[in-house]
Amino acid sequence: MWMMIGIISVGLVIVMAEVPSLIRKQEKKQLWVFAILLILGVGLSIAKTLNVHIPNPLEALIFFYQPISDVVMTWLS
């Protein structure tokens, strides 16, 4: 519980430090990207503190490219 509160607090501090300058400079695209990445990061951090299994993106790449690798290896041997 305290870890979640800490993660959200750090997220809010980051928002208070970064968002005003982005609004002043009228950088709407950067503000959207910042918000999406921050929400994604805070969400993943909270999920990690709750011991939720977060799959490794490398596993998906291995799943897709392993058959291709096997075919190429048979051609080369």
PDB file of N, CA and C in Angstrom:
ATOM      1  N   MET A   1       0.810  -1.195   0.000  1.00  0.00           N
ATOM      2  CA  MET A   1       0.000   0.000   0.000  1.00  0.00           C
ATOM      3  C   MET A   1       0.852   1.257   0.000  1.00  0.00           C
ATOM      4  N   TRP A   2       1.882   1.270   0.873  1.00  0.00           N
ATOM      5  CA  TRP A   2       2.743   2.445   0.958  1.00  0.00           C
ATOM      6  C   TRP A   2       3.582   2.626  -0.298  1.00  0.00           C
ATOM      7  N   MET A   3       3.939   1.503  -0.934  1.00  0.00           N
ATOM      8  CA  MET A   3       4.715   1.593  -2.175  1.00  0.00           C
ATOM      9  C   MET A   3       3.874   2.239  -3.276  1.00  0.00           C
ATOM     10  N   MET A   4       2.598   1.901  -3.340  1.00  0.00           N
ATOM     11  CA  MET A   4       1.726   2.501  -4.349  1.00  0.00           C
ATOM     12  C   MET A   4       1.572   4.000  -4.117  1.00  0.00           C
ATOM     13  N   ILE A   5       1.413   4.378  -2.873  1.00  0.00           N
ATOM     14  CA  ILE A   5       1.302   5.799  -2.546  1.00  0.00           C
ATOM     15  C   ILE A   5       2.592   6.527  -2.909  1.00  0.00           C
ATOM     16  N   GLY A   6       3.728   5.894  -2.660  1.00  0.00           N
ATOM     17  CA  GLY A   6       5.018   6.489  -3.014  1.00  0.00           C
ATOM     18  C   GLY A   6       5.181   6.648  -4.513  1.00  0.00           C
ATOM     19  N   ILE A   7       4.781   5.643  -5.277  1.00  0.00           N
ATOM     20  CA  ILE A   7       4.897   5.715  -6.734  1.00  0.00           C
ATOM     21  C   ILE A   7       3.997   6.807  -7.287  1.00  0.00           C
ATOM     22  N   ILE A   8       2.784   6.882  -6.793  1.00  0.00           N
ATOM     23  CA  ILE A   8       1.864   7.922  -7.248  1.00  0.00           C
ATOM     24  C   ILE A   8       2.377   9.303  -6.841  1.00  0.00           C
ATOM     25  N   SER A   9       2.968   9.412  -5.654  1.00  0.00           N
ATOM     26  CA  SER A   9       3.517  10.701  -5.205  1.00  0.00           C
ATOM     27  C   SER A   9       4.658  11.154  -6.102  1.00  0.00           C
ATOM     28  N   VAL A  10       5.538  10.239  -6.437  1.00  0.00           N
ATOM     29  CA  VAL A  10       6.654  10.585  -7.329  1.00  0.00           C
ATOM     30  C   VAL A  10       6.117  10.983  -8.700  1.00  0.00           C
ATOM     31  N   GLY A  11       5.103  10.276  -9.177  1.00  0.00           N
ATOM     32  CA  GLY A  11       4.479  10.638 -10.449  1.00  0.00           C
ATOM     33  C   GLY A  11       3.890  12.032 -10.416  1.00  0.00           C
ATOM     34  N   LEU A  12       3.245  12.375  -9.315  1.00  0.00           N
ATOM     35  CA  LEU A  12       2.675  13.722  -9.189  1.00  0.00           C
ATOM     36  C   LEU A  12       3.752  14.798  -9.129  1.00  0.00           C
ATOM     37  N   VAL A  13       4.865  14.512  -8.458  1.00  0.00           N
ATOM     38  CA  VAL A  13       5.977  15.472  -8.419  1.00  0.00           C
ATOM     39  C   VAL A  13       6.536  15.683  -9.824  1.00  0.00           C
ATOM     40  N   ILE A  14       6.656  14.614 -10.579  1.00  0.00           N
ATOM     41  CA  ILE A  14       7.147  14.736 -11.954  1.00  0.00           C
ATOM     42  C   ILE A  14       6.175  15.554 -12.798  1.00  0.00           C
ATOM     43  N   VAL A  15       4.877  15.320 -12.618  1.00  0.00           N
ATOM     44  CA  VAL A  15       3.876  16.089 -13.357  1.00  0.00           C
ATOM     45  C   VAL A  15       3.973  17.565 -13.003  1.00  0.00           C
ATOM     46  N   MET A  16       4.087  17.881 -11.714  1.00  0.00           N
ATOM     47  CA  MET A  16       4.160  19.285 -11.296  1.00  0.00           C
ATOM     48  C   MET A  16       5.432  19.968 -11.801  1.00  0.00           C
ATOM     49  N   ALA A  17       6.495  19.196 -12.005  1.00  0.00           N
ATOM     50  CA  ALA A  17       7.746  19.791 -12.487  1.00  0.00           C
ATOM     51  C   ALA A  17       7.749  19.985 -13.999  1.00  0.00           C
ATOM     52  N   GLU A  18       7.117  19.102 -14.755  1.00  0.00           N
ATOM     53  CA  GLU A  18       7.239  19.117 -16.204  1.00  0.00           C
ATOM     54  C   GLU A  18       6.061  19.751 -16.944  1.00  0.00           C
ATOM     55  N   VAL A  19       4.860  19.537 -16.474  1.00  0.00           N
ATOM     56  CA  VAL A  19       3.672  19.966 -17.219  1.00  0.00           C
ATOM     57  C   VAL A  19       3.567  21.482 -17.372  1.00  0.00           C
ATOM     58  N   PRO A  20       3.842  22.299 -16.352  1.00  0.00           N
ATOM     59  CA  PRO A  20       3.692  23.743 -16.555  1.00  0.00           C
ATOM     60  C   PRO A  20       4.559  24.296 -17.696  1.00  0.00           C
ATOM     61  N   SER A  21       5.793  23.810 -17.826  1.00  0.00           N
ATOM     62  CA  SER A  21       6.636  24.317 -18.910  1.00  0.00           C
ATOM     63  C   SER A  21       6.120  23.856 -20.268  1.00  0.00           C
ATOM     64  N   LEU A  22       5.583  22.650 -20.343  1.00  0.00           N
ATOM     65  CA  LEU A  22       5.023  22.181 -21.606  1.00  0.00           C
ATOM     66  C   LEU A  22       3.777  22.977 -21.990  1.00  0.00           C
ATOM     67  N   ILE A  23       2.974  23.345 -21.013  1.00  0.00           N
ATOM     68  CA  ILE A  23       1.777  24.145 -21.292  1.00  0.00           C
ATOM     69  C   ILE A  23       2.167  25.558 -21.706  1.00  0.00           C
ATOM     70  N   ARG A  24       3.166  26.141 -21.015  1.00  0.00           N
ATOM     71  CA  ARG A  24       3.614  27.486 -21.355  1.00  0.00           C
ATOM     72  C   ARG A  24       4.154  27.562 -22.779  1.00  0.00           C
ATOM     73  N   LYS A  25       4.886  26.532 -23.187  1.00  0.00           N
ATOM     74  CA  LYS A  25       5.463  26.505 -24.537  1.00  0.00           C
ATOM     75  C   LYS A  25       4.462  26.023 -25.581  1.00  0.00           C
ATOM     76  N   GLN A  26       3.262  25.668 -25.155  1.00  0.00           N
ATOM     77  CA  GLN A  26       2.180  25.186 -26.006  1.00  0.00           C
ATOM     78  C   GLN A  26       2.618  23.976 -26.840  1.00  0.00           C
ATOM     79  N   GLU A  27       3.274  23.045 -26.200  1.00  0.00           N
ATOM     80  CA  GLU A  27       3.729  21.828 -26.854  1.00  0.00           C
ATOM     81  C   GLU A  27       2.734  20.706 -26.546  1.00  0.00           C
ATOM     82  N   LYS A  28       1.660  20.675 -27.311  1.00  0.00           N
ATOM     83  CA  LYS A  28       0.579  19.727 -27.034  1.00  0.00           C
ATOM     84  C   LYS A  28       0.975  18.289 -27.351  1.00  0.00           C
ATOM     85  N   LYS A  29       1.705  18.091 -28.451  1.00  0.00           N
ATOM     86  CA  LYS A  29       2.100  16.729 -28.807  1.00  0.00           C
ATOM     87  C   LYS A  29       3.041  16.144 -27.757  1.00  0.00           C
ATOM     88  N   GLN A  30       3.994  16.940 -27.314  1.00  0.00           N
ATOM     89  CA  GLN A  30       4.922  16.475 -26.286  1.00  0.00           C
ATOM     90  C   GLN A  30       4.193  16.214 -24.968  1.00  0.00           C
ATOM     91  N   LEU A  31       3.192  17.013 -24.682  1.00  0.00           N
ATOM     92  CA  LEU A  31       2.411  16.823 -23.470  1.00  0.00           C
ATOM     93  C   LEU A  31       1.643  15.498 -23.523  1.00  0.00           C
ATOM     94  N   TRP A  32       1.076  15.163 -24.675  1.00  0.00           N
ATOM     95  CA  TRP A  32       0.368  13.888 -24.826  1.00  0.00           C
ATOM     96  C   TRP A  32       1.322  12.718 -24.675  1.00  0.00           C
ATOM     97  N   VAL A  33       2.480  12.800 -25.326  1.00  0.00           N
ATOM     98  CA  VAL A  33       3.461  11.711 -25.224  1.00  0.00           C
ATOM     99  C   VAL A  33       3.939  11.567 -23.786  1.00  0.00           C
ATOM    100  N   PHE A  34       4.217  12.690 -23.134  1.00  0.00           N
ATOM    101  CA  PHE A  34       4.641  12.674 -21.741  1.00  0.00           C
ATOM    102  C   PHE A  34       3.588  12.010 -20.863  1.00  0.00           C
ATOM    103  N   ALA A  35       2.324  12.396 -21.052  1.00  0.00           N
ATOM    104  CA  ALA A  35       1.241  11.851 -20.227  1.00  0.00           C
ATOM    105  C   ALA A  35       1.081  10.350 -20.448  1.00  0.00           C
ATOM    106  N   ILE A  36       1.115   9.928 -21.700  1.00  0.00           N
ATOM    107  CA  ILE A  36       0.947   8.506 -21.989  1.00  0.00           C
ATOM    108  C   ILE A  36       2.083   7.690 -21.392  1.00  0.00           C
ATOM    109  N   LEU A  37       3.328   8.139 -21.588  1.00  0.00           N
ATOM    110  CA  LEU A  37       4.466   7.395 -21.062  1.00  0.00           C
ATOM    111  C   LEU A  37       4.492   7.396 -19.538  1.00  0.00           C
ATOM    112  N   LEU A  38       4.107   8.519 -18.914  1.00  0.00           N
ATOM    113  CA  LEU A  38       4.093   8.573 -17.457  1.00  0.00           C
ATOM    114  C   LEU A  38       3.008   7.653 -16.893  1.00  0.00           C
ATOM    115  N   ILE A  39       1.833   7.661 -17.499  1.00  0.00           N
ATOM    116  CA  ILE A  39       0.760   6.779 -17.035  1.00  0.00           C
ATOM    117  C   ILE A  39       1.168   5.319 -17.213  1.00  0.00           C
ATOM    118  N   LEU A  40       1.787   5.007 -18.339  1.00  0.00           N
ATOM    119  CA  LEU A  40       2.254   3.645 -18.576  1.00  0.00           C
ATOM    120  C   LEU A  40       3.307   3.241 -17.547  1.00  0.00           C
ATOM    121  N   GLY A  41       4.250   4.126 -17.280  1.00  0.00           N
ATOM    122  CA  GLY A  41       5.296   3.822 -16.301  1.00  0.00           C
ATOM    123  C   GLY A  41       4.766   3.674 -14.891  1.00  0.00           C
ATOM    124  N   VAL A  42       3.885   4.568 -14.491  1.00  0.00           N
ATOM    125  CA  VAL A  42       3.305   4.484 -13.148  1.00  0.00           C
ATOM    126  C   VAL A  42       2.447   3.222 -13.030  1.00  0.00           C
ATOM    127  N   GLY A  43       1.684   2.925 -14.068  1.00  0.00           N
ATOM    128  CA  GLY A  43       0.843   1.726 -14.042  1.00  0.00           C
ATOM    129  C   GLY A  43       1.662   0.452 -13.946  1.00  0.00           C
ATOM    130  N   LEU A  44       2.739   0.370 -14.728  1.00  0.00           N
ATOM    131  CA  LEU A  44       3.601  -0.816 -14.669  1.00  0.00           C
ATOM    132  C   LEU A  44       4.307  -0.922 -13.319  1.00  0.00           C
ATOM    133  N   SER A  45       4.706   0.205 -12.765  1.00  0.00           N
ATOM    134  CA  SER A  45       5.358   0.181 -11.461  1.00  0.00           C
ATOM    135  C   SER A  45       4.405  -0.290 -10.368  1.00  0.00           C
ATOM    136  N   ILE A  46       3.177   0.178 -10.418  1.00  0.00           N
ATOM    137  CA  ILE A  46       2.190  -0.263  -9.434  1.00  0.00           C
ATOM    138  C   ILE A  46       1.895  -1.749  -9.623  1.00  0.00           C
ATOM    139  N   ALA A  47       1.784  -2.196 -10.869  1.00  0.00           N
ATOM    140  CA  ALA A  47       1.545  -3.617 -11.121  1.00  0.00           C
ATOM    141  C   ALA A  47       2.701  -4.463 -10.595  1.00  0.00           C
ATOM    142  N   LYS A  48       3.920  -3.963 -10.741  1.00  0.00           N
ATOM    143  CA  LYS A  48       5.084  -4.704 -10.247  1.00  0.00           C
ATOM    144  C   LYS A  48       5.070  -4.788  -8.725  1.00  0.00           C
ATOM    145  N   THR A  49       4.639  -3.732  -8.046  1.00  0.00           N
ATOM    146  CA  THR A  49       4.578  -3.783  -6.585  1.00  0.00           C
ATOM    147  C   THR A  49       3.486  -4.735  -6.101  1.00  0.00           C
ATOM    148  N   LEU A  50       2.454  -4.951  -6.937  1.00  0.00           N
ATOM    149  CA  LEU A  50       1.384  -5.879  -6.590  1.00  0.00           C
ATOM    150  C   LEU A  50       1.699  -7.308  -7.028  1.00  0.00           C
ATOM    151  N   ASN A  51       2.928  -7.545  -7.480  1.00  0.00           N
ATOM    152  CA  ASN A  51       3.409  -8.861  -7.923  1.00  0.00           C
ATOM    153  C   ASN A  51       2.604  -9.427  -9.091  1.00  0.00           C
ATOM    154  N   VAL A  52       2.185  -8.551  -9.994  1.00  0.00           N
ATOM    155  CA  VAL A  52       1.511  -8.978 -11.222  1.00  0.00           C
ATOM    156  C   VAL A  52       2.583  -9.368 -12.220  1.00  0.00           C
ATOM    157  N   HIS A  53       2.386 -10.513 -12.898  1.00  0.00           N
ATOM    158  CA  HIS A  53       3.365 -10.948 -13.897  1.00  0.00           C
ATOM    159  C   HIS A  53       3.285 -10.028 -15.105  1.00  0.00           C
ATOM    160  N   ILE A  54       4.391  -9.371 -15.422  1.00  0.00           N
ATOM    161  CA  ILE A  54       4.481  -8.506 -16.589  1.00  0.00           C
ATOM    162  C   ILE A  54       5.369  -9.227 -17.595  1.00  0.00           C
ATOM    163  N   PRO A  55       4.819  -9.605 -18.747  1.00  0.00           N
ATOM    164  CA  PRO A  55       5.616 -10.366 -19.705  1.00  0.00           C
ATOM    165  C   PRO A  55       6.742  -9.526 -20.292  1.00  0.00           C
ATOM    166  N   ASN A  56       7.832 -10.202 -20.593  1.00  0.00           N
ATOM    167  CA  ASN A  56       8.983  -9.566 -21.200  1.00  0.00           C
ATOM    168  C   ASN A  56       8.718  -9.403 -22.695  1.00  0.00           C
ATOM    169  N   PRO A  57       8.899  -8.225 -23.280  1.00  0.00           N
ATOM    170  CA  PRO A  57       8.670  -8.047 -24.719  1.00  0.00           C
ATOM    171  C   PRO A  57       9.591  -8.923 -25.579  1.00  0.00           C
ATOM    172  N   LEU A  58      10.727  -9.305 -25.040  1.00  0.00           N
ATOM    173  CA  LEU A  58      11.636 -10.154 -25.788  1.00  0.00           C
ATOM    174  C   LEU A  58      11.030 -11.525 -26.058  1.00  0.00           C
ATOM    175  N   GLU A  59      10.161 -12.001 -25.180  1.00  0.00           N
ATOM    176  CA  GLU A  59       9.505 -13.288 -25.385  1.00  0.00           C
ATOM    177  C   GLU A  59       8.645 -13.268 -26.647  1.00  0.00           C
ATOM    178  N   ALA A  60       7.978 -12.167 -26.928  1.00  0.00           N
ATOM    179  CA  ALA A  60       7.165 -12.051 -28.140  1.00  0.00           C
ATOM    180  C   ALA A  60       8.052 -12.064 -29.382  1.00  0.00           C
ATOM    181  N   LEU A  61       9.179 -11.368 -29.326  1.00  0.00           N
ATOM    182  CA  LEU A  61      10.099 -11.361 -30.466  1.00  0.00           C
ATOM    183  C   LEU A  61      10.659 -12.751 -30.727  1.00  0.00           C
ATOM    184  N   ILE A  62      11.007 -13.459 -29.679  1.00  0.00           N
ATOM    185  CA  ILE A  62      11.520 -14.820 -29.834  1.00  0.00           C
ATOM    186  C   ILE A  62      10.439 -15.716 -30.438  1.00  0.00           C
ATOM    187  N   PHE A  63       9.203 -15.559 -29.996  1.00  0.00           N
ATOM    188  CA  PHE A  63       8.101 -16.368 -30.513  1.00  0.00           C
ATOM    189  C   PHE A  63       7.942 -16.172 -32.018  1.00  0.00           C
ATOM    190  N   PHE A  64       8.046 -14.932 -32.500  1.00  0.00           N
ATOM    191  CA  PHE A  64       7.841 -14.659 -33.912  1.00  0.00           C
ATOM    192  C   PHE A  64       9.055 -15.013 -34.767  1.00  0.00           C
ATOM    193  N   TYR A  65      10.255 -14.769 -34.257  1.00  0.00           N
ATOM    194  CA  TYR A  65      11.439 -14.949 -35.086  1.00  0.00           C
ATOM    195  C   TYR A  65      12.129 -16.298 -34.932  1.00  0.00           C
ATOM    196  N   GLN A  66      11.765 -17.107 -33.981  1.00  0.00           N
ATOM    197  CA  GLN A  66      12.394 -18.418 -33.805  1.00  0.00           C
ATOM    198  C   GLN A  66      12.171 -19.339 -35.009  1.00  0.00           C
ATOM    199  N   PRO A  67      10.960 -19.435 -35.572  1.00  0.00           N
ATOM    200  CA  PRO A  67      10.797 -20.282 -36.762  1.00  0.00           C
ATOM    201  C   PRO A  67      11.646 -19.810 -37.949  1.00  0.00           C
ATOM    202  N   ILE A  68      11.746 -18.513 -38.132  1.00  0.00           N
ATOM    203  CA  ILE A  68      12.578 -17.986 -39.214  1.00  0.00           C
ATOM    204  C   ILE A  68      14.034 -18.327 -38.959  1.00  0.00           C
ATOM    205  N   SER A  69      14.460 -18.188 -37.748  1.00  0.00           N
ATOM    206  CA  SER A  69      15.841 -18.520 -37.393  1.00  0.00           C
ATOM    207  C   SER A  69      16.118 -20.002 -37.634  1.00  0.00           C
ATOM    208  N   ASP A  70      15.168 -20.858 -37.290  1.00  0.00           N
ATOM    209  CA  ASP A  70      15.356 -22.292 -37.506  1.00  0.00           C
ATOM    210  C   ASP A  70      15.485 -22.621 -38.990  1.00  0.00           C
ATOM    211  N   VAL A  71      14.660 -21.997 -39.830  1.00  0.00           N
ATOM    212  CA  VAL A  71      14.745 -22.234 -41.266  1.00  0.00           C
ATOM    213  C   VAL A  71      16.071 -21.774 -41.827  1.00  0.00           C
ATOM    214  N   VAL A  72      16.507 -20.596 -41.434  1.00  0.00           N
ATOM    215  CA  VAL A  72      17.787 -20.066 -41.926  1.00  0.00           C
ATOM    216  C   VAL A  72      18.941 -20.950 -41.449  1.00  0.00           C
ATOM    217  N   MET A  73      18.877 -21.425 -40.238  1.00  0.00           N
ATOM    218  CA  MET A  73      19.955 -22.296 -39.730  1.00  0.00           C
ATOM    219  C   MET A  73      20.009 -23.620 -40.474  1.00  0.00           C
ATOM    220  N   THR A  74      18.859 -24.143 -40.871  1.00  0.00           N
ATOM    221  CA  THR A  74      18.881 -25.406 -41.644  1.00  0.00           C
ATOM    222  C   THR A  74      19.436 -25.158 -43.039  1.00  0.00           C
ATOM    223  N   TRP A  75      19.168 -23.999 -43.622  1.00  0.00           N
ATOM    224  CA  TRP A  75      19.725 -23.674 -44.934  1.00  0.00           C
ATOM    225  C   TRP A  75      21.242 -23.525 -44.863  1.00  0.00           C
ATOM    226  N   LEU A  76      21.733 -22.954 -43.776  1.00  0.00           N
ATOM    227  CA  LEU A  76      23.159 -22.668 -43.673  1.00  0.00           C
ATOM    228  C   LEU A  76      23.987 -23.891 -43.250  1.00  0.00           C
ATOM    229  N   SER A  77      23.348 -24.908 -42.706  1.00  0.00           N
ATOM    230  CA  SER A  77      24.133 -26.073 -42.258  1.00  0.00           C
ATOM    231  C   SER A  77      24.139 -27.182 -43.276  1.00  0.00           C
TER     232      SER A  77
END
